[in-house]
C-alpha atoms as a PDB file:
ATOM      1  CA  MET A   1      -0.115   0.054  -0.080  1.00  0.00           C
ATOM      2  CA  ASN A   2       1.079   3.643  -0.545  1.00  0.00           C
ATOM      3  CA  ASP A   3       2.243   5.254   2.040  1.00  0.00           C
ATOM      4  CA  ASN A   4       1.679   8.796   1.040  1.00  0.00           C
ATOM      5  CA  PRO A   5      -2.262   9.318   3.200  1.00  0.00           C
ATOM      6  CA  PHE A   6      -3.839  11.627   0.631  1.00  0.00           C
ATOM      7  CA  GLU A   7      -3.034   9.533  -2.055  1.00  0.00           C
ATOM      8  CA  ASP A   8      -6.579   9.579  -3.750  1.00  0.00           C
ATOM      9  CA  SER A   9      -7.739  13.592  -5.231  1.00  0.00           C
ATOM     10  CA  PRO A  10     -10.589  14.094  -2.480  1.00  0.00           C
ATOM     11  CA  PRO A  11     -13.690  15.569  -5.079  1.00  0.00           C
ATOM     12  CA  ALA A  12     -15.144  11.597  -5.192  1.00  0.00           C
ATOM     13  CA  SER A  13     -15.435  11.291  -2.246  1.00  0.00           C
ATOM     14  CA  LEU A  14     -17.119  14.536  -1.972  1.00  0.00           C
ATOM     15  CA  ARG A  15     -19.312  14.188  -3.868  1.00  0.00           C
ATOM     16  CA  PRO A  16     -21.421  12.409  -1.274  1.00  0.00           C
ATOM     17  CA  VAL A  17     -21.158  15.296   1.436  1.00  0.00           C
ATOM     18  CA  ALA A  18     -22.394  18.151  -1.265  1.00  0.00           C
ATOM     19  CA  ILE A  19     -25.127  16.391  -2.979  1.00  0.00           C
ATOM     20  CA  ALA A  20     -26.016  16.375   0.921  1.00  0.00           C
ATOM     21  CA  LEU A  21     -25.228  19.845   1.110  1.00  0.00           C
ATOM     22  CA  CYS A  22     -27.156  20.866  -1.503  1.00  0.00           C
ATOM     23  CA  ILE A  23     -30.359  19.091   0.224  1.00  0.00           C
ATOM     24  CA  THR A  24     -29.877  20.519   3.129  1.00  0.00           C
ATOM     25  CA  GLY A  25     -30.057  24.213   1.043  1.00  0.00           C
ATOM     26  CA  ILE A  26     -32.911  23.070  -0.312  1.00  0.00           C
ATOM     27  CA  ALA A  27     -34.680  21.850   2.736  1.00  0.00           C
ATOM     28  CA  TRP A  28     -33.633  25.214   4.270  1.00  0.00           C
ATOM     29  CA  LEU A  29     -35.613  27.534   2.006  1.00  0.00           C
ATOM     30  CA  ALA A  30     -38.161  25.542   2.004  1.00  0.00           C
ATOM     31  CA  PHE A  31     -38.622  25.404   5.210  1.00  0.00           C
ATOM     32  CA  GLU A  32     -38.360  29.014   5.478  1.00  0.00           C
ATOM     33  CA  GLY A  33     -40.371  29.407   2.536  1.00  0.00           C
ATOM     34  CA  MET A  34     -43.627  27.413   4.248  1.00  0.00           C
ATOM     35  CA  ALA A  35     -43.203  29.540   7.528  1.00  0.00           C
ATOM     36  CA  SER A  36     -43.564  32.881   5.665  1.00  0.00           C
ATOM     37  CA  LEU A  37     -41.677  36.375   6.552  1.00  0.00           C
ATOM     38  CA  HIS A  38     -43.946  36.738   9.128  1.00  0.00           C
ATOM     39  CA  THR A  39     -42.262  36.100  12.566  1.00  0.00           C
ATOM     40  CA  VAL A  40     -45.572  35.040  14.608  1.00  0.00           C
ATOM     41  CA  GLU A  41     -46.130  32.652  11.959  1.00  0.00           C
ATOM     42  CA  ARG A  42     -42.832  31.401  11.571  1.00  0.00           C
ATOM     43  CA  ILE A  43     -42.720  30.601  15.218  1.00  0.00           C
ATOM     44  CA  ALA A  44     -45.548  29.037  15.066  1.00  0.00           C
ATOM     45  CA  PHE A  45     -44.280  26.860  11.945  1.00  0.00           C
ATOM     46  CA  GLU A  46     -41.857  25.829  13.986  1.00  0.00           C
ATOM     47  CA  ARG A  47     -43.068  25.453  17.833  1.00  0.00           C
ATOM     48  CA  SER A  48     -44.799  22.723  15.926  1.00  0.00           C
ATOM     49  CA  TRP A  49     -42.160  20.634  15.035  1.00  0.00           C
ATOM     50  CA  ILE A  50     -40.689  20.680  18.384  1.00  0.00           C
ATOM     51  CA  GLU A  51     -44.084  20.168  19.941  1.00  0.00           C
ATOM     52  CA  PHE A  52     -44.807  16.742  17.864  1.00  0.00           C
ATOM     53  CA  LEU A  53     -42.873  14.226  20.137  1.00  0.00           C
ATOM     54  CA  ARG A  54     -44.364  16.112  23.123  1.00  0.00           C
ATOM     55  CA  ASP A  55     -46.762  14.510  25.034  1.00  0.00           C
ATOM     56  CA  PRO A  56     -49.647  16.920  24.602  1.00  0.00           C
ATOM     57  CA  GLN A  57     -50.790  16.243  28.297  1.00  0.00           C
ATOM     58  CA  ASN A  58     -47.138  16.806  29.672  1.00  0.00           C
ATOM     59  CA  PRO A  59     -45.006  19.055  27.356  1.00  0.00           C
ATOM     60  CA  GLY A  60     -41.990  17.628  29.760  1.00  0.00           C
ATOM     61  CA  LYS A  61     -42.226  14.378  28.479  1.00  0.00           C
ATOM     62  CA  MET A  62     -41.680  13.118  25.127  1.00  0.00           C
ATOM     63  CA  ILE A  63     -44.491  10.443  23.793  1.00  0.00           C
ATOM     64  CA  GLY A  64     -43.381   6.666  23.941  1.00  0.00           C
ATOM     65  CA  PRO A  65     -41.581   4.446  26.357  1.00  0.00           C
ATOM     66  CA  GLU A  66     -38.347   6.012  28.697  1.00  0.00           C
ATOM     67  CA  LEU A  67     -37.327   4.174  26.427  1.00  0.00           C
ATOM     68  CA  PHE A  68     -37.572   6.571  23.242  1.00  0.00           C
ATOM     69  CA  GLU A  69     -36.639   9.607  25.435  1.00  0.00           C
ATOM     70  CA  GLU A  70     -33.072   7.397  27.195  1.00  0.00           C
ATOM     71  CA  SER A  71     -32.851   6.501  23.242  1.00  0.00           C
ATOM     72  CA  VAL A  72     -32.754  10.596  22.282  1.00  0.00           C
ATOM     73  CA  ARG A  73     -30.007  11.368  24.719  1.00  0.00           C
ATOM     74  CA  ASP A  74     -27.657   9.481  23.487  1.00  0.00           C
ATOM     75  CA  LEU A  75     -28.732  10.732  20.196  1.00  0.00           C
ATOM     76  CA  SER A  76     -27.305  13.752  21.122  1.00  0.00           C
ATOM     77  CA  ALA A  77     -24.711  13.317  23.521  1.00  0.00           C
ATOM     78  CA  LEU A  78     -22.910  11.517  20.265  1.00  0.00           C
ATOM     79  CA  GLY A  79     -22.452  15.782  19.175  1.00  0.00           C
ATOM     80  CA  GLY A  80     -21.905  16.908  22.620  1.00  0.00           C
ATOM     81  CA  TYR A  81     -18.647  18.241  23.714  1.00  0.00           C
ATOM     82  CA  VAL A  82     -17.675  16.009  26.269  1.00  0.00           C
ATOM     83  CA  VAL A  83     -17.594  12.589  23.283  1.00  0.00           C
ATOM     84  CA  VAL A  84     -16.463  14.786  20.777  1.00  0.00           C
ATOM     85  CA  SER A  85     -14.103  15.583  21.879  1.00  0.00           C
ATOM     86  CA  THR A  86     -12.729  12.258  23.459  1.00  0.00           C
ATOM     87  CA  VAL A  87     -13.168  10.858  19.897  1.00  0.00           C
ATOM     88  CA  ILE A  88     -11.024  14.109  18.086  1.00  0.00           C
ATOM     89  CA  VAL A  89      -8.784  13.217  20.766  1.00  0.00           C
ATOM     90  CA  CYS A  90      -8.707   9.526  19.702  1.00  0.00           C
ATOM     91  CA  PHE A  91      -8.664   9.939  16.471  1.00  0.00           C
ATOM     92  CA  ALA A  92      -5.968  12.708  16.501  1.00  0.00           C
ATOM     93  CA  THR A  93      -3.810   9.916  18.558  1.00  0.00           C
ATOM     94  CA  PHE A  94      -4.681   6.991  16.481  1.00  0.00           C
ATOM     95  CA  GLY A  95      -3.963   9.479  12.500  1.00  0.00           C
ATOM     96  CA  ALA A  96      -0.916  10.393  14.671  1.00  0.00           C
ATOM     97  CA  LEU A  97       0.793   6.450  14.994  1.00  0.00           C
ATOM     98  CA  SER A  98      -0.661   5.497  11.413  1.00  0.00           C
ATOM     99  CA  TYR A  99      -0.362   7.751   9.485  1.00  0.00           C
ATOM    100  CA  GLY A 100       1.708  10.131  10.156  1.00  0.00           C
ATOM    101  CA  ARG A 101       1.337  14.177  11.033  1.00  0.00           C
ATOM    102  CA  PRO A 102       0.188  15.522   7.043  1.00  0.00           C
ATOM    103  CA  PHE A 103      -2.977  13.555   8.715  1.00  0.00           C
ATOM    104  CA  VAL A 104      -3.188  14.786  11.861  1.00  0.00           C
ATOM    105  CA  ARG A 105      -3.163  18.094  10.788  1.00  0.00           C
ATOM    106  CA  LEU A 106      -5.524  18.110   8.192  1.00  0.00           C
ATOM    107  CA  PHE A 107      -8.147  16.721  10.579  1.00  0.00           C
ATOM    108  CA  LEU A 108      -7.181  19.392  13.535  1.00  0.00           C
ATOM    109  CA  ILE A 109      -8.019  22.429  11.175  1.00  0.00           C
ATOM    110  CA  SER A 110     -10.456  20.956   9.884  1.00  0.00           C
ATOM    111  CA  VAL A 111     -12.269  19.924  13.866  1.00  0.00           C
ATOM    112  CA  LEU A 112     -10.872  22.804  15.722  1.00  0.00           C
ATOM    113  CA  GLY A 113     -11.138  25.906  12.724  1.00  0.00           C
ATOM    114  CA  GLY A 114     -15.122  23.784  11.929  1.00  0.00           C
ATOM    115  CA  TYR A 115     -15.457  24.629  15.773  1.00  0.00           C
ATOM    116  CA  GLY A 116     -14.417  28.111  15.852  1.00  0.00           C
ATOM    117  CA  CYS A 117     -17.054  28.297  13.632  1.00  0.00           C
ATOM    118  CA  SER A 118     -19.767  27.460  14.561  1.00  0.00           C
ATOM    119  CA  MET A 119     -18.663  29.655  18.088  1.00  0.00           C
ATOM    120  CA  LEU A 120     -18.698  32.528  15.524  1.00  0.00           C
ATOM    121  CA  LEU A 121     -22.010  32.477  14.123  1.00  0.00           C
ATOM    122  CA  LYS A 122     -23.532  31.913  17.536  1.00  0.00           C
ATOM    123  CA  LEU A 123     -22.267  34.553  18.526  1.00  0.00           C
ATOM    124  CA  ALA A 124     -23.213  37.043  14.958  1.00  0.00           C
ATOM    125  CA  PHE A 125     -26.706  35.893  15.072  1.00  0.00           C
ATOM    126  CA  ASP A 126     -27.424  35.800  19.017  1.00  0.00           C
ATOM    127  CA  ARG A 127     -30.922  33.603  18.671  1.00  0.00           C
ATOM    128  CA  ASP A 128     -32.113  32.653  21.740  1.00  0.00           C
ATOM    129  CA  ARG A 129     -33.433  29.600  22.456  1.00  0.00           C
ATOM    130  CA  PRO A 130     -36.866  27.751  21.971  1.00  0.00           C
ATOM    131  CA  SER A 131     -38.469  28.245  25.373  1.00  0.00           C
ATOM    132  CA  VAL A 132     -41.712  26.201  23.468  1.00  0.00           C
ATOM    133  CA  VAL A 133     -41.742  23.011  25.419  1.00  0.00           C
ATOM    134  CA  PRO A 134     -38.903  22.161  28.994  1.00  0.00           C
ATOM    135  CA  HIS A 135     -35.892  21.723  27.440  1.00  0.00           C
ATOM    136  CA  LEU A 136     -34.294  17.645  28.169  1.00  0.00           C
ATOM    137  CA  SER A 137     -31.030  18.785  27.752  1.00  0.00           C
ATOM    138  CA  HIS A 138     -28.760  21.886  29.589  1.00  0.00           C
ATOM    139  CA  VAL A 139     -27.415  24.326  27.111  1.00  0.00           C
ATOM    140  CA  ALA A 140     -25.367  27.213  28.387  1.00  0.00           C
ATOM    141  CA  THR A 141     -24.782  29.168  24.618  1.00  0.00           C
ATOM    142  CA  LYS A 142     -27.061  31.057  21.937  1.00  0.00           C
ATOM    143  CA  SER A 143     -29.065  28.688  19.450  1.00  0.00           C
ATOM    144  CA  PHE A 144     -28.545  29.567  15.801  1.00  0.00           C
ATOM    145  CA  PRO A 145     -26.775  27.519  14.431  1.00  0.00           C
ATOM    146  CA  SER A 146     -26.816  24.477  16.486  1.00  0.00           C
ATOM    147  CA  SER A 147     -23.099  23.558  17.732  1.00  0.00           C
ATOM    148  CA  HIS A 148     -24.157  19.683  17.716  1.00  0.00           C
ATOM    149  CA  ALA A 149     -25.572  19.515  14.553  1.00  0.00           C
ATOM    150  CA  MET A 150     -22.098  21.488  12.903  1.00  0.00           C
ATOM    151  CA  VAL A 151     -19.270  19.775  14.919  1.00  0.00           C
ATOM    152  CA  SER A 152     -20.314  16.650  14.634  1.00  0.00           C
ATOM    153  CA  SER A 153     -20.537  16.575  11.368  1.00  0.00           C
ATOM    154  CA  ILE A 154     -17.574  18.389  11.049  1.00  0.00           C
ATOM    155  CA  VAL A 155     -15.413  15.650  13.025  1.00  0.00           C
ATOM    156  CA  TYR A 156     -17.095  12.847  11.941  1.00  0.00           C
ATOM    157  CA  LEU A 157     -17.440  13.063   7.898  1.00  0.00           C
ATOM    158  CA  SER A 158     -13.596  14.301   8.613  1.00  0.00           C
ATOM    159  CA  ILE A 159     -12.716  10.791  10.157  1.00  0.00           C
ATOM    160  CA  GLY A 160     -14.863   9.255   7.270  1.00  0.00           C
ATOM    161  CA  LEU A 161     -13.372  11.003   4.926  1.00  0.00           C
ATOM    162  CA  LEU A 162      -9.776  10.700   6.119  1.00  0.00           C
ATOM    163  CA  LEU A 163      -9.830   7.120   6.488  1.00  0.00           C
ATOM    164  CA  ALA A 164     -11.977   6.624   2.473  1.00  0.00           C
ATOM    165  CA  GLN A 165      -8.684   8.074   1.341  1.00  0.00           C
ATOM    166  CA  ARG A 166      -6.314   5.201   2.393  1.00  0.00           C
ATOM    167  CA  VAL A 167      -9.378   2.557   0.787  1.00  0.00           C
ATOM    168  CA  ARG A 168      -9.766   1.434  -2.426  1.00  0.00           C
ATOM    169  CA  ASP A 169     -12.924  -0.724  -2.059  1.00  0.00           C
ATOM    170  CA  THR A 170     -15.748   1.858  -3.248  1.00  0.00           C
ATOM    171  CA  ARG A 171     -18.655   0.351  -1.632  1.00  0.00           C
ATOM    172  CA  ILE A 172     -16.295   0.718   2.092  1.00  0.00           C
ATOM    173  CA  ARG A 173     -15.882   4.390   0.943  1.00  0.00           C
ATOM    174  CA  ALA A 174     -18.719   5.505   0.169  1.00  0.00           C
ATOM    175  CA  LEU A 175     -19.415   3.356   3.571  1.00  0.00           C
ATOM    176  CA  LEU A 176     -17.489   6.493   5.704  1.00  0.00           C
ATOM    177  CA  VAL A 177     -19.372   8.720   3.987  1.00  0.00           C
ATOM    178  CA  VAL A 178     -22.678   7.786   3.889  1.00  0.00           C
ATOM    179  CA  VAL A 179     -22.090   6.716   7.685  1.00  0.00           C
ATOM    180  CA  PRO A 180     -20.855   9.867   9.394  1.00  0.00           C
ATOM    181  CA  LEU A 181     -23.990  12.022   7.290  1.00  0.00           C
ATOM    182  CA  CYS A 182     -26.565   9.643   8.472  1.00  0.00           C
ATOM    183  CA  LEU A 183     -25.008   9.871  11.940  1.00  0.00           C
ATOM    184  CA  THR A 184     -24.832  13.649  12.236  1.00  0.00           C
ATOM    185  CA  GLY A 185     -28.665  13.783  11.504  1.00  0.00           C
ATOM    186  CA  LEU A 186     -29.324  11.739  13.985  1.00  0.00           C
ATOM    187  CA  VAL A 187     -27.690  14.300  16.549  1.00  0.00           C
ATOM    188  CA  GLY A 188     -28.761  16.903  14.714  1.00  0.00           C
ATOM    189  CA  SER A 189     -33.088  15.377  14.544  1.00  0.00           C
ATOM    190  CA  SER A 190     -32.532  14.811  18.241  1.00  0.00           C
ATOM    191  CA  ARG A 191     -31.971  18.647  19.479  1.00  0.00           C
ATOM    192  CA  ILE A 192     -35.526  19.480  18.380  1.00  0.00           C
ATOM    193  CA  ALA A 193     -36.053  16.822  20.317  1.00  0.00           C
ATOM    194  CA  MET A 194     -34.556  17.612  23.202  1.00  0.00           C
ATOM    195  CA  GLY A 195     -36.746  21.219  22.657  1.00  0.00           C
ATOM    196  CA  VAL A 196     -33.419  23.174  22.664  1.00  0.00           C
ATOM    197  CA  HIS A 197     -32.948  24.097  18.366  1.00  0.00           C
ATOM    198  CA  TYR A 198     -35.560  25.255  16.351  1.00  0.00           C
ATOM    199  CA  PRO A 199     -35.520  23.263  13.470  1.00  0.00           C
ATOM    200  CA  THR A 200     -34.270  26.321  11.464  1.00  0.00           C
ATOM    201  CA  ASP A 201     -30.772  25.887  13.518  1.00  0.00           C
ATOM    202  CA  VAL A 202     -30.689  22.432  13.013  1.00  0.00           C
ATOM    203  CA  LEU A 203     -31.232  23.183   9.174  1.00  0.00           C
ATOM    204  CA  ALA A 204     -28.265  25.821   9.015  1.00  0.00           C
ATOM    205  CA  GLY A 205     -25.958  23.745  11.516  1.00  0.00           C
ATOM    206  CA  TRP A 206     -26.055  20.456   8.673  1.00  0.00           C
ATOM    207  CA  ALA A 207     -25.486  23.091   5.780  1.00  0.00           C
ATOM    208  CA  ALA A 208     -22.435  24.997   7.664  1.00  0.00           C
ATOM    209  CA  GLY A 209     -21.238  22.128   8.521  1.00  0.00           C
ATOM    210  CA  LEU A 210     -21.015  20.592   5.161  1.00  0.00           C
ATOM    211  CA  LEU A 211     -19.927  23.630   3.336  1.00  0.00           C
ATOM    212  CA  TRP A 212     -16.961  23.936   5.956  1.00  0.00           C
ATOM    213  CA  VAL A 213     -15.724  20.565   5.073  1.00  0.00           C
ATOM    214  CA  LEU A 214     -16.267  20.655   1.640  1.00  0.00           C
ATOM    215  CA  VAL A 215     -13.845  23.568   1.023  1.00  0.00           C
ATOM    216  CA  VAL A 216     -11.511  22.145   3.909  1.00  0.00           C
ATOM    217  CA  PHE A 217     -11.056  19.398   1.808  1.00  0.00           C
ATOM    218  CA  SER A 218     -11.183  20.631  -1.386  1.00  0.00           C
ATOM    219  CA  LEU A 219      -8.458  22.614  -0.444  1.00  0.00           C
ATOM    220  CA  GLN A 220      -6.511  19.958   1.468  1.00  0.00           C
ATOM    221  CA  SER A 221      -3.254  19.559  -0.692  1.00  0.00           C
ATOM    222  CA  VAL A 222      -2.759  23.568  -0.831  1.00  0.00           C
ATOM    223  CA  ILE A 223      -3.034  23.609   3.352  1.00  0.00           C
ATOM    224  CA  LEU A 224      -0.923  21.381   3.804  1.00  0.00           C
ATOM    225  CA  ARG A 225       1.984  21.831   1.182  1.00  0.00           C
ATOM    226  CA  GLY A 226       1.411  25.590   1.215  1.00  0.00           C
ATOM    227  CA  PRO A 227       3.747  27.286  -1.607  1.00  0.00           C
ATOM    228  CA  GLN A 228       6.590  25.662  -3.346  1.00  0.00           C
ATOM    229  CA  LYS A 229       9.647  26.381  -2.232  1.00  0.00           C
ATOM    230  CA  ARG A 230      11.942  26.896  -5.347  1.00  0.00           C
END
C-alpha cells in the first residue's frame, strides 16, 4: 500500500457531501418559505415541529416509552462536547501513530476550525433558545446555528473522508461517508426533540458543517503543502 495518506484526490469522496449540502440547502429554503416572512407565523411553524414528539398532557416528557426518550438523549450526546472532544483526541492519536503528521494536521484544521466558526456564527446571530417546551438538555450558548449539528457533521465526516482516502474498495468508501452523514442527521434531529433548538438552527448547522468540510477537503493539498519552495 502506498504510504501517502492523501494518495487519492478528494472530489470523488466529496460528492455525497456536496449532494447532502444541496439537499440540506433546499430543505432550509423550503422550510423558510413555508414559514413565511412573518415572525409570528414562522415561530408557530417551528413550534409545531418541536411539540410534535412531546406528550400533549405533559410537555416535559416525550411521547412513547421512556426508552425512546433515553435513546434520543444518547443520540444527542454523540454531538456533545465531551464525546466529540474524546473522539477528536482518540482519532488524532490514532492518525499520528498510523499515518503521520499531515493526516493529523488536516484533521485538526478541519475540526478545530469548524468549531471556531460555529462559535462565531452563534455570536453573530445571537438567537435565543426556544422556550416552547421544557428543555431535556442543559444549554449554555445561543441557538443559531446548532453546534451539535455543525460540529458533529464536521468531526464525523472528517474522520470518514480521511479514512476513505486510505481504502480502495468503493463500497467501503461510500460507507465511510454515508454513515457519518446519517449519524449527523440523527444528532441534529435529537436536538429538536430535546426542545433546545428550532428546526432552522439544525438545518443551518448541517449546512454550515457540510460546507466547511467541503471547502477544507477540496483545499487539502493547499492547506497541507503550502507554497512550493524553489
